[in-house]
Amino acid sequence: MKFSVLEIFFIFWLSAFLWVLVEYLYQRINRREKSQLNLESLEKDRG
């Protein structure tokens, strides 16, 4: 199976974009969970 240079270029940038998107979503979910845990621990300390 032979790929043209344009196809390889397109596949490379598409995979790079998907990688960045997954990393962004992962960091965002982690940050939200971490802040939620901090809020829960603060409420425990106050109670």
N, C-alpha and C. Protein backbone atom coordinates (compact mmCIF):
# COMPACT_ATOMS: atom_id res chain seq x y z
N MET A 1 0.85 -1.18 0.00
CA MET A 1 0.00 0.00 0.00
C MET A 1 0.89 1.24 0.00
N LYS A 2 0.74 2.06 -1.01
CA LYS A 2 1.57 3.26 -1.12
C LYS A 2 0.74 4.49 -0.76
N PHE A 3 1.34 5.35 0.04
CA PHE A 3 0.71 6.61 0.40
C PHE A 3 1.43 7.74 -0.31
N SER A 4 0.67 8.74 -0.71
CA SER A 4 1.31 9.92 -1.29
C SER A 4 1.80 10.82 -0.16
N VAL A 5 2.62 11.78 -0.50
CA VAL A 5 3.16 12.70 0.50
C VAL A 5 2.03 13.49 1.15
N LEU A 6 1.06 13.88 0.36
CA LEU A 6 -0.08 14.64 0.89
C LEU A 6 -0.87 13.81 1.91
N GLU A 7 -1.09 12.54 1.62
CA GLU A 7 -1.81 11.68 2.56
C GLU A 7 -1.04 11.50 3.86
N ILE A 8 0.26 11.31 3.77
CA ILE A 8 1.08 11.18 4.98
C ILE A 8 1.04 12.47 5.79
N PHE A 9 1.15 13.61 5.11
CA PHE A 9 1.08 14.91 5.78
C PHE A 9 -0.25 15.08 6.49
N PHE A 10 -1.35 14.73 5.81
CA PHE A 10 -2.68 14.87 6.39
C PHE A 10 -2.85 13.95 7.60
N ILE A 11 -2.42 12.71 7.49
CA ILE A 11 -2.54 11.76 8.59
C ILE A 11 -1.72 12.21 9.79
N PHE A 12 -0.52 12.73 9.54
CA PHE A 12 0.33 13.21 10.62
C PHE A 12 -0.35 14.34 11.40
N TRP A 13 -0.84 15.35 10.69
CA TRP A 13 -1.45 16.49 11.38
C TRP A 13 -2.78 16.12 12.02
N LEU A 14 -3.50 15.21 11.43
CA LEU A 14 -4.75 14.76 12.04
C LEU A 14 -4.47 14.02 13.34
N SER A 15 -3.48 13.15 13.35
CA SER A 15 -3.15 12.43 14.58
C SER A 15 -2.59 13.38 15.63
N ALA A 16 -1.80 14.38 15.22
CA ALA A 16 -1.29 15.36 16.18
C ALA A 16 -2.43 16.16 16.79
N PHE A 17 -3.40 16.55 15.98
CA PHE A 17 -4.55 17.30 16.49
C PHE A 17 -5.35 16.45 17.47
N LEU A 18 -5.58 15.19 17.15
CA LEU A 18 -6.32 14.31 18.05
C LEU A 18 -5.57 14.11 19.36
N TRP A 19 -4.24 13.98 19.29
CA TRP A 19 -3.44 13.82 20.50
C TRP A 19 -3.58 15.04 21.42
N VAL A 20 -3.49 16.23 20.83
CA VAL A 20 -3.62 17.46 21.62
C VAL A 20 -5.02 17.56 22.21
N LEU A 21 -6.02 17.19 21.46
CA LEU A 21 -7.40 17.24 21.96
C LEU A 21 -7.59 16.30 23.14
N VAL A 22 -7.07 15.08 23.03
CA VAL A 22 -7.20 14.12 24.13
C VAL A 22 -6.45 14.62 25.37
N GLU A 23 -5.24 15.14 25.19
CA GLU A 23 -4.48 15.67 26.32
C GLU A 23 -5.20 16.82 26.99
N TYR A 24 -5.80 17.71 26.20
CA TYR A 24 -6.54 18.85 26.74
C TYR A 24 -7.72 18.38 27.58
N LEU A 25 -8.48 17.44 27.03
CA LEU A 25 -9.64 16.93 27.77
C LEU A 25 -9.21 16.22 29.05
N TYR A 26 -8.12 15.45 28.98
CA TYR A 26 -7.63 14.73 30.15
C TYR A 26 -7.21 15.72 31.26
N GLN A 27 -6.47 16.77 30.88
CA GLN A 27 -6.04 17.76 31.86
C GLN A 27 -7.24 18.49 32.46
N ARG A 28 -8.23 18.78 31.63
CA ARG A 28 -9.40 19.50 32.11
C ARG A 28 -10.19 18.66 33.11
N ILE A 29 -10.35 17.37 32.81
CA ILE A 29 -11.07 16.48 33.73
C ILE A 29 -10.30 16.34 35.03
N ASN A 30 -8.97 16.17 34.95
CA ASN A 30 -8.16 16.04 36.16
C ASN A 30 -8.25 17.29 37.02
N ARG A 31 -8.19 18.46 36.39
CA ARG A 31 -8.25 19.71 37.14
C ARG A 31 -9.59 19.84 37.86
N ARG A 32 -10.68 19.45 37.16
CA ARG A 32 -12.01 19.55 37.77
C ARG A 32 -12.14 18.60 38.94
N GLU A 33 -11.64 17.37 38.79
CA GLU A 33 -11.71 16.40 39.89
C GLU A 33 -10.86 16.85 41.07
N LYS A 34 -9.69 17.42 40.78
CA LYS A 34 -8.81 17.87 41.84
C LYS A 34 -9.44 19.02 42.63
N SER A 35 -10.06 19.97 41.92
CA SER A 35 -10.69 21.09 42.62
C SER A 35 -11.90 20.62 43.41
N GLN A 36 -12.60 19.61 42.90
CA GLN A 36 -13.75 19.08 43.62
C GLN A 36 -13.29 18.38 44.90
N LEU A 37 -12.17 17.65 44.82
CA LEU A 37 -11.64 17.00 46.02
C LEU A 37 -11.20 18.03 47.04
N ASN A 38 -10.59 19.13 46.58
CA ASN A 38 -10.18 20.19 47.50
C ASN A 38 -11.39 20.80 48.19
N LEU A 39 -12.47 21.02 47.47
CA LEU A 39 -13.68 21.57 48.07
C LEU A 39 -14.26 20.61 49.11
N GLU A 40 -14.26 19.32 48.80
CA GLU A 40 -14.79 18.34 49.75
C GLU A 40 -13.95 18.29 51.02
N SER A 41 -12.63 18.37 50.87
CA SER A 41 -11.77 18.32 52.06
C SER A 41 -11.93 19.60 52.88
N LEU A 42 -12.13 20.74 52.22
CA LEU A 42 -12.37 21.97 52.97
C LEU A 42 -13.67 21.90 53.76
N GLU A 43 -14.71 21.33 53.15
CA GLU A 43 -15.98 21.20 53.85
C GLU A 43 -15.86 20.27 55.03
N LYS A 44 -15.07 19.20 54.90
CA LYS A 44 -14.85 18.29 56.03
C LYS A 44 -14.14 19.00 57.17
N ASP A 45 -13.11 19.82 56.82
CA ASP A 45 -12.36 20.53 57.83
C ASP A 45 -13.23 21.52 58.58
N ARG A 46 -14.15 22.16 57.88
CA ARG A 46 -15.03 23.13 58.53
C ARG A 46 -16.04 22.44 59.44
N GLY A 47 -16.49 21.24 59.04
CA GLY A 47 -17.56 20.55 59.76
C GLY A 47 -17.15 19.87 60.99
